[in-house]
Amino acid sequence: DYKGKIVLINFWATWCKYCDEEMPDLEK
């Protein structure tokens, strides 16, 4: 569905400490 754009697929989980730290930067 997202052809035409660069896609960053981020595999994560709520229990993952490093995912939690990375989330604000992904949002930015």
PDB file of all heavy atoms in Angstrom:
ATOM      1  N   ASP A   1       0.821  -1.214   0.000  1.00  0.00           N
ATOM      2  CA  ASP A   1       0.000   0.000   0.000  1.00  0.00           C
ATOM      3  C   ASP A   1       0.853   1.261   0.000  1.00  0.00           C
ATOM      4  O   ASP A   1       0.380   2.340  -0.368  1.00  0.00           O
ATOM      5  CB  ASP A   1      -0.920   0.048   1.234  1.00  0.00           C
ATOM      6  CG  ASP A   1      -1.969  -1.049   1.228  1.00  0.00           C
ATOM      7  OD1 ASP A   1      -2.251  -1.592   0.137  1.00  0.00           O
ATOM      8  OD2 ASP A   1      -2.507  -1.357   2.310  1.00  0.00           O
ATOM      9  N   TYR A   2       2.098   1.128   0.434  1.00  0.00           N
ATOM     10  CA  TYR A   2       2.945   2.300   0.661  1.00  0.00           C
ATOM     11  C   TYR A   2       4.011   2.484  -0.409  1.00  0.00           C
ATOM     12  O   TYR A   2       4.977   3.227  -0.200  1.00  0.00           O
ATOM     13  CB  TYR A   2       3.585   2.205   2.051  1.00  0.00           C
ATOM     14  CG  TYR A   2       2.560   2.154   3.149  1.00  0.00           C
ATOM     15  CD1 TYR A   2       2.143   0.939   3.685  1.00  0.00           C
ATOM     16  CD2 TYR A   2       1.969   3.319   3.632  1.00  0.00           C
ATOM     17  CE1 TYR A   2       1.175   0.891   4.680  1.00  0.00           C
ATOM     18  CE2 TYR A   2       1.009   3.280   4.633  1.00  0.00           C
ATOM     19  CZ  TYR A   2       0.616   2.060   5.149  1.00  0.00           C
ATOM     20  OH  TYR A   2      -0.344   2.023   6.134  1.00  0.00           O
ATOM     21  N   LYS A   3       3.844   1.817  -1.549  1.00  0.00           N
ATOM     22  CA  LYS A   3       4.777   2.040  -2.656  1.00  0.00           C
ATOM     23  C   LYS A   3       4.728   3.505  -3.059  1.00  0.00           C
ATOM     24  O   LYS A   3       3.677   4.139  -3.074  1.00  0.00           O
ATOM     25  CB  LYS A   3       4.440   1.150  -3.850  1.00  0.00           C
ATOM     26  CG  LYS A   3       4.930  -0.278  -3.685  1.00  0.00           C
ATOM     27  CD  LYS A   3       4.789  -1.062  -4.978  1.00  0.00           C
ATOM     28  CE  LYS A   3       5.373  -2.456  -4.822  1.00  0.00           C
ATOM     29  NZ  LYS A   3       5.261  -3.231  -6.081  1.00  0.00           N
ATOM     30  N   GLY A   4       5.888   4.047  -3.378  1.00  0.00           N
ATOM     31  CA  GLY A   4       5.998   5.471  -3.670  1.00  0.00           C
ATOM     32  C   GLY A   4       6.630   6.236  -2.527  1.00  0.00           C
ATOM     33  O   GLY A   4       7.016   7.396  -2.683  1.00  0.00           O
ATOM     34  N   LYS A   5       6.737   5.578  -1.370  1.00  0.00           N
ATOM     35  CA  LYS A   5       7.412   6.165  -0.217  1.00  0.00           C
ATOM     36  C   LYS A   5       8.476   5.206   0.313  1.00  0.00           C
ATOM     37  O   LYS A   5       8.393   3.983   0.114  1.00  0.00           O
ATOM     38  CB  LYS A   5       6.416   6.464   0.909  1.00  0.00           C
ATOM     39  CG  LYS A   5       5.479   7.626   0.644  1.00  0.00           C
ATOM     40  CD  LYS A   5       4.713   7.996   1.910  1.00  0.00           C
ATOM     41  CE  LYS A   5       3.872   9.244   1.694  1.00  0.00           C
ATOM     42  NZ  LYS A   5       3.202   9.665   2.952  1.00  0.00           N
ATOM     43  N   ILE A   6       9.463   5.752   0.979  1.00  0.00           N
ATOM     44  CA  ILE A   6      10.413   4.932   1.722  1.00  0.00           C
ATOM     45  C   ILE A   6       9.675   4.393   2.939  1.00  0.00           C
ATOM     46  O   ILE A   6       8.934   5.123   3.604  1.00  0.00           O
ATOM     47  CB  ILE A   6      11.638   5.751   2.160  1.00  0.00           C
ATOM     48  CG1 ILE A   6      12.378   6.289   0.937  1.00  0.00           C
ATOM     49  CG2 ILE A   6      12.573   4.909   3.027  1.00  0.00           C
ATOM     50  CD1 ILE A   6      13.411   7.350   1.273  1.00  0.00           C
ATOM     51  N   VAL A   7       9.855   3.116   3.232  1.00  0.00           N
ATOM     52  CA  VAL A   7       9.173   2.497   4.370  1.00  0.00           C
ATOM     53  C   VAL A   7      10.198   2.010   5.385  1.00  0.00           C
ATOM     54  O   VAL A   7      11.166   1.340   5.028  1.00  0.00           O
ATOM     55  CB  VAL A   7       8.283   1.315   3.930  1.00  0.00           C
ATOM     56  CG1 VAL A   7       7.577   0.697   5.138  1.00  0.00           C
ATOM     57  CG2 VAL A   7       7.261   1.770   2.898  1.00  0.00           C
ATOM     58  N   LEU A   8       9.976   2.368   6.631  1.00  0.00           N
ATOM     59  CA  LEU A   8      10.769   1.841   7.734  1.00  0.00           C
ATOM     60  C   LEU A   8       9.845   0.909   8.512  1.00  0.00           C
ATOM     61  O   LEU A   8       8.917   1.350   9.175  1.00  0.00           O
ATOM     62  CB  LEU A   8      11.273   2.971   8.636  1.00  0.00           C
ATOM     63  CG  LEU A   8      12.367   2.660   9.662  1.00  0.00           C
ATOM     64  CD1 LEU A   8      12.863   3.962  10.307  1.00  0.00           C
ATOM     65  CD2 LEU A   8      11.915   1.719  10.769  1.00  0.00           C
ATOM     66  N   ILE A   9      10.086  -0.404   8.384  1.00  0.00           N
ATOM     67  CA  ILE A   9       9.311  -1.382   9.159  1.00  0.00           C
ATOM     68  C   ILE A   9      10.058  -1.633  10.463  1.00  0.00           C
ATOM     69  O   ILE A   9      11.198  -2.102  10.459  1.00  0.00           O
ATOM     70  CB  ILE A   9       9.152  -2.712   8.410  1.00  0.00           C
ATOM     71  CG1 ILE A   9       8.623  -2.494   6.995  1.00  0.00           C
ATOM     72  CG2 ILE A   9       8.233  -3.652   9.188  1.00  0.00           C
ATOM     73  CD1 ILE A   9       8.600  -3.765   6.159  1.00  0.00           C
ATOM     74  N   ASN A  10       9.401  -1.320  11.565  1.00  0.00           N
ATOM     75  CA  ASN A  10      10.019  -1.499  12.880  1.00  0.00           C
ATOM     76  C   ASN A  10       9.277  -2.588  13.643  1.00  0.00           C
ATOM     77  O   ASN A  10       8.102  -2.443  13.969  1.00  0.00           O
ATOM     78  CB  ASN A  10       9.976  -0.181  13.655  1.00  0.00           C
ATOM     79  CG  ASN A  10      10.641  -0.293  15.025  1.00  0.00           C
ATOM     80  OD1 ASN A  10       9.976  -0.470  16.036  1.00  0.00           O
ATOM     81  ND2 ASN A  10      11.958  -0.163  15.049  1.00  0.00           N
ATOM     82  N   PHE A  11       9.955  -3.711  13.888  1.00  0.00           N
ATOM     83  CA  PHE A  11       9.376  -4.802  14.658  1.00  0.00           C
ATOM     84  C   PHE A  11       9.690  -4.572  16.138  1.00  0.00           C
ATOM     85  O   PHE A  11      10.853  -4.440  16.522  1.00  0.00           O
ATOM     86  CB  PHE A  11       9.930  -6.145  14.192  1.00  0.00           C
ATOM     87  CG  PHE A  11       9.495  -6.527  12.806  1.00  0.00           C
ATOM     88  CD1 PHE A  11      10.310  -6.257  11.711  1.00  0.00           C
ATOM     89  CD2 PHE A  11       8.270  -7.147  12.596  1.00  0.00           C
ATOM     90  CE1 PHE A  11       9.904  -6.610  10.424  1.00  0.00           C
ATOM     91  CE2 PHE A  11       7.856  -7.501  11.308  1.00  0.00           C
ATOM     92  CZ  PHE A  11       8.684  -7.228  10.222  1.00  0.00           C
ATOM     93  N   TRP A  12       8.645  -4.558  16.974  1.00  0.00           N
ATOM     94  CA  TRP A  12       8.813  -4.160  18.366  1.00  0.00           C
ATOM     95  C   TRP A  12       7.802  -4.876  19.261  1.00  0.00           C
ATOM     96  O   TRP A  12       6.924  -5.595  18.781  1.00  0.00           O
ATOM     97  CB  TRP A  12       8.625  -2.651  18.499  1.00  0.00           C
ATOM     98  CG  TRP A  12       7.202  -2.224  18.247  1.00  0.00           C
ATOM     99  CD1 TRP A  12       6.568  -2.175  17.036  1.00  0.00           C
ATOM    100  CD2 TRP A  12       6.238  -1.854  19.222  1.00  0.00           C
ATOM    101  NE1 TRP A  12       5.261  -1.783  17.197  1.00  0.00           N
ATOM    102  CE2 TRP A  12       5.014  -1.576  18.526  1.00  0.00           C
ATOM    103  CE3 TRP A  12       6.252  -1.708  20.608  1.00  0.00           C
ATOM    104  CZ2 TRP A  12       3.857  -1.183  19.191  1.00  0.00           C
ATOM    105  CZ3 TRP A  12       5.092  -1.301  21.267  1.00  0.00           C
ATOM    106  CH2 TRP A  12       3.918  -1.048  20.560  1.00  0.00           C
ATOM    107  N   ALA A  13       7.918  -4.633  20.572  1.00  0.00           N
ATOM    108  CA  ALA A  13       6.952  -5.155  21.545  1.00  0.00           C
ATOM    109  C   ALA A  13       6.942  -4.221  22.756  1.00  0.00           C
ATOM    110  O   ALA A  13       7.929  -3.527  23.030  1.00  0.00           O
ATOM    111  CB  ALA A  13       7.316  -6.574  21.970  1.00  0.00           C
ATOM    112  N   THR A  14       5.830  -4.206  23.468  1.00  0.00           N
ATOM    113  CA  THR A  14       5.692  -3.279  24.597  1.00  0.00           C
ATOM    114  C   THR A  14       6.638  -3.621  25.740  1.00  0.00           C
ATOM    115  O   THR A  14       7.015  -2.746  26.521  1.00  0.00           O
ATOM    116  CB  THR A  14       4.246  -3.281  25.130  1.00  0.00           C
ATOM    117  OG1 THR A  14       3.909  -4.593  25.611  1.00  0.00           O
ATOM    118  CG2 THR A  14       3.266  -2.887  24.035  1.00  0.00           C
ATOM    119  N   TRP A  15       7.026  -4.888  25.860  1.00  0.00           N
ATOM    120  CA  TRP A  15       7.898  -5.302  26.960  1.00  0.00           C
ATOM    121  C   TRP A  15       9.373  -4.999  26.690  1.00  0.00           C
ATOM    122  O   TRP A  15      10.211  -5.136  27.585  1.00  0.00           O
ATOM    123  CB  TRP A  15       7.753  -6.804  27.209  1.00  0.00           C
ATOM    124  CG  TRP A  15       7.864  -7.645  25.971  1.00  0.00           C
ATOM    125  CD1 TRP A  15       6.855  -8.173  25.234  1.00  0.00           C
ATOM    126  CD2 TRP A  15       9.089  -8.051  25.316  1.00  0.00           C
ATOM    127  NE1 TRP A  15       7.342  -8.877  24.160  1.00  0.00           N
ATOM    128  CE2 TRP A  15       8.711  -8.823  24.188  1.00  0.00           C
ATOM    129  CE3 TRP A  15      10.435  -7.847  25.569  1.00  0.00           C
ATOM    130  CZ2 TRP A  15       9.643  -9.379  23.325  1.00  0.00           C
ATOM    131  CZ3 TRP A  15      11.368  -8.399  24.711  1.00  0.00           C
ATOM    132  CH2 TRP A  15      10.975  -9.147  23.607  1.00  0.00           C
ATOM    133  N   CYS A  16       9.680  -4.582  25.476  1.00  0.00           N
ATOM    134  CA  CYS A  16      11.065  -4.395  25.050  1.00  0.00           C
ATOM    135  C   CYS A  16      11.598  -3.022  25.490  1.00  0.00           C
ATOM    136  O   CYS A  16      11.107  -1.982  25.024  1.00  0.00           O
ATOM    137  CB  CYS A  16      11.135  -4.547  23.525  1.00  0.00           C
ATOM    138  SG  CYS A  16      12.673  -3.995  22.772  1.00  0.00           S
ATOM    139  N   LYS A  17      12.578  -3.039  26.353  1.00  0.00           N
ATOM    140  CA  LYS A  17      13.156  -1.793  26.886  1.00  0.00           C
ATOM    141  C   LYS A  17      13.725  -0.910  25.784  1.00  0.00           C
ATOM    142  O   LYS A  17      13.493   0.304  25.760  1.00  0.00           O
ATOM    143  CB  LYS A  17      14.255  -2.136  27.888  1.00  0.00           C
ATOM    144  CG  LYS A  17      15.052  -0.931  28.368  1.00  0.00           C
ATOM    145  CD  LYS A  17      16.197  -1.356  29.270  1.00  0.00           C
ATOM    146  CE  LYS A  17      17.068  -0.166  29.651  1.00  0.00           C
ATOM    147  NZ  LYS A  17      18.221  -0.575  30.483  1.00  0.00           N
ATOM    148  N   TYR A  18      14.466  -1.502  24.862  1.00  0.00           N
ATOM    149  CA  TYR A  18      15.112  -0.717  23.810  1.00  0.00           C
ATOM    150  C   TYR A  18      14.093  -0.214  22.786  1.00  0.00           C
ATOM    151  O   TYR A  18      14.278   0.853  22.202  1.00  0.00           O
ATOM    152  CB  TYR A  18      16.212  -1.531  23.142  1.00  0.00           C
ATOM    153  CG  TYR A  18      17.340  -1.840  24.091  1.00  0.00           C
ATOM    154  CD1 TYR A  18      17.548  -3.136  24.561  1.00  0.00           C
ATOM    155  CD2 TYR A  18      18.175  -0.825  24.561  1.00  0.00           C
ATOM    156  CE1 TYR A  18      18.569  -3.406  25.460  1.00  0.00           C
ATOM    157  CE2 TYR A  18      19.203  -1.096  25.460  1.00  0.00           C
ATOM    158  CZ  TYR A  18      19.383  -2.392  25.907  1.00  0.00           C
ATOM    159  OH  TYR A  18      20.382  -2.659  26.805  1.00  0.00           O
ATOM    160  N   CYS A  19      13.018  -0.983  22.595  1.00  0.00           N
ATOM    161  CA  CYS A  19      11.930  -0.491  21.737  1.00  0.00           C
ATOM    162  C   CYS A  19      11.324   0.769  22.349  1.00  0.00           C
ATOM    163  O   CYS A  19      11.051   1.755  21.650  1.00  0.00           O
ATOM    164  CB  CYS A  19      10.836  -1.549  21.599  1.00  0.00           C
ATOM    165  SG  CYS A  19      11.386  -3.126  20.919  1.00  0.00           S
ATOM    166  N   ASP A  20      11.121   0.728  23.647  1.00  0.00           N
ATOM    167  CA  ASP A  20      10.535   1.858  24.364  1.00  0.00           C
ATOM    168  C   ASP A  20      11.416   3.098  24.238  1.00  0.00           C
ATOM    169  O   ASP A  20      10.923   4.215  24.061  1.00  0.00           O
ATOM    170  CB  ASP A  20      10.348   1.480  25.835  1.00  0.00           C
ATOM    171  CG  ASP A  20       9.578   2.525  26.609  1.00  0.00           C
ATOM    172  OD1 ASP A  20       8.488   2.929  26.162  1.00  0.00           O
ATOM    173  OD2 ASP A  20      10.067   2.955  27.679  1.00  0.00           O
ATOM    174  N   GLU A  21      12.722   2.913  24.308  1.00  0.00           N
ATOM    175  CA  GLU A  21      13.650   4.037  24.183  1.00  0.00           C
ATOM    176  C   GLU A  21      13.677   4.586  22.750  1.00  0.00           C
ATOM    177  O   GLU A  21      13.873   5.788  22.534  1.00  0.00           O
ATOM    178  CB  GLU A  21      15.055   3.598  24.589  1.00  0.00           C
ATOM    179  CG  GLU A  21      15.203   3.282  26.070  1.00  0.00           C
ATOM    180  CD  GLU A  21      16.612   2.896  26.441  1.00  0.00           C
ATOM    181  OE1 GLU A  21      17.548   3.180  25.650  1.00  0.00           O
ATOM    182  OE2 GLU A  21      16.805   2.302  27.520  1.00  0.00           O
ATOM    183  N   GLU A  22      13.449   3.718  21.789  1.00  0.00           N
ATOM    184  CA  GLU A  22      13.538   4.107  20.381  1.00  0.00           C
ATOM    185  C   GLU A  22      12.268   4.796  19.884  1.00  0.00           C
ATOM    186  O   GLU A  22      12.315   5.597  18.946  1.00  0.00           O
ATOM    187  CB  GLU A  22      13.814   2.855  19.541  1.00  0.00           C
ATOM    188  CG  GLU A  22      14.097   3.118  18.076  1.00  0.00           C
ATOM    189  CD  GLU A  22      14.332   1.831  17.310  1.00  0.00           C
ATOM    190  OE1 GLU A  22      13.478   0.922  17.382  1.00  0.00           O
ATOM    191  OE2 GLU A  22      15.372   1.722  16.638  1.00  0.00           O
ATOM    192  N   MET A  23      11.137   4.490  20.503  1.00  0.00           N
ATOM    193  CA  MET A  23       9.843   4.980  20.016  1.00  0.00           C
ATOM    194  C   MET A  23       9.766   6.503  19.822  1.00  0.00           C
ATOM    195  O   MET A  23       9.287   6.974  18.782  1.00  0.00           O
ATOM    196  CB  MET A  23       8.718   4.504  20.932  1.00  0.00           C
ATOM    197  CG  MET A  23       8.292   3.072  20.697  1.00  0.00           C
ATOM    198  SD  MET A  23       7.369   2.933  19.144  1.00  0.00           S
ATOM    199  CE  MET A  23       6.983   1.191  19.156  1.00  0.00           C
ATOM    200  N   PRO A  24      10.177   7.314  20.781  1.00  0.00           N
ATOM    201  CA  PRO A  24      10.088   8.769  20.579  1.00  0.00           C
ATOM    202  C   PRO A  24      10.874   9.251  19.362  1.00  0.00           C
ATOM    203  O   PRO A  24      10.440  10.183  18.671  1.00  0.00           O
ATOM    204  CB  PRO A  24      10.661   9.334  21.884  1.00  0.00           C
ATOM    205  CG  PRO A  24      10.430   8.260  22.892  1.00  0.00           C
ATOM    206  CD  PRO A  24      10.639   6.975  22.147  1.00  0.00           C
ATOM    207  N   ASP A  25      12.012   8.622  19.089  1.00  0.00           N
ATOM    208  CA  ASP A  25      12.804   9.011  17.920  1.00  0.00           C
ATOM    209  C   ASP A  25      12.127   8.592  16.624  1.00  0.00           C
ATOM    210  O   ASP A  25      12.195   9.309  15.613  1.00  0.00           O
ATOM    211  CB  ASP A  25      14.203   8.397  18.005  1.00  0.00           C
ATOM    212  CG  ASP A  25      15.057   9.062  19.075  1.00  0.00           C
ATOM    213  OD1 ASP A  25      14.745  10.213  19.443  1.00  0.00           O
ATOM    214  OD2 ASP A  25      16.016   8.432  19.552  1.00  0.00           O
ATOM    215  N   LEU A  26      11.466   7.440  16.634  1.00  0.00           N
ATOM    216  CA  LEU A  26      10.700   7.027  15.457  1.00  0.00           C
ATOM    217  C   LEU A  26       9.561   8.001  15.186  1.00  0.00           C
ATOM    218  O   LEU A  26       9.292   8.353  14.035  1.00  0.00           O
ATOM    219  CB  LEU A  26      10.130   5.616  15.659  1.00  0.00           C
ATOM    220  CG  LEU A  26      11.110   4.445  15.563  1.00  0.00           C
ATOM    221  CD1 LEU A  26      10.410   3.153  15.967  1.00  0.00           C
ATOM    222  CD2 LEU A  26      11.683   4.320  14.159  1.00  0.00           C
ATOM    223  N   GLU A  27       8.901   8.449  16.254  1.00  0.00           N
ATOM    224  CA  GLU A  27       7.813   9.420  16.108  1.00  0.00           C
ATOM    225  C   GLU A  27       8.333  10.729  15.526  1.00  0.00           C
ATOM    226  O   GLU A  27       7.707  11.317  14.624  1.00  0.00           O
ATOM    227  CB  GLU A  27       7.170   9.671  17.469  1.00  0.00           C
ATOM    228  CG  GLU A  27       6.104  10.743  17.486  1.00  0.00           C
ATOM    229  CD  GLU A  27       4.806  10.337  16.791  1.00  0.00           C
ATOM    230  OE1 GLU A  27       4.659   9.143  16.445  1.00  0.00           O
ATOM    231  OE2 GLU A  27       3.943  11.207  16.589  1.00  0.00           O
ATOM    232  N   LYS A  28       9.473  11.177  16.016  1.00  0.00           N
ATOM    233  CA  LYS A  28      10.066  12.418  15.519  1.00  0.00           C
ATOM    234  C   LYS A  28      10.447  12.282  14.051  1.00  0.00           C
ATOM    235  O   LYS A  28      10.161  13.174  13.228  1.00  0.00           O
ATOM    236  CB  LYS A  28      11.291  12.783  16.354  1.00  0.00           C
ATOM    237  CG  LYS A  28      11.934  14.108  15.976  1.00  0.00           C
ATOM    238  CD  LYS A  28      13.105  14.416  16.898  1.00  0.00           C
ATOM    239  CE  LYS A  28      13.758  15.734  16.534  1.00  0.00           C
ATOM    240  NZ  LYS A  28      14.932  16.028  17.407  1.00  0.00           N
TER     241      LYS A  28
END
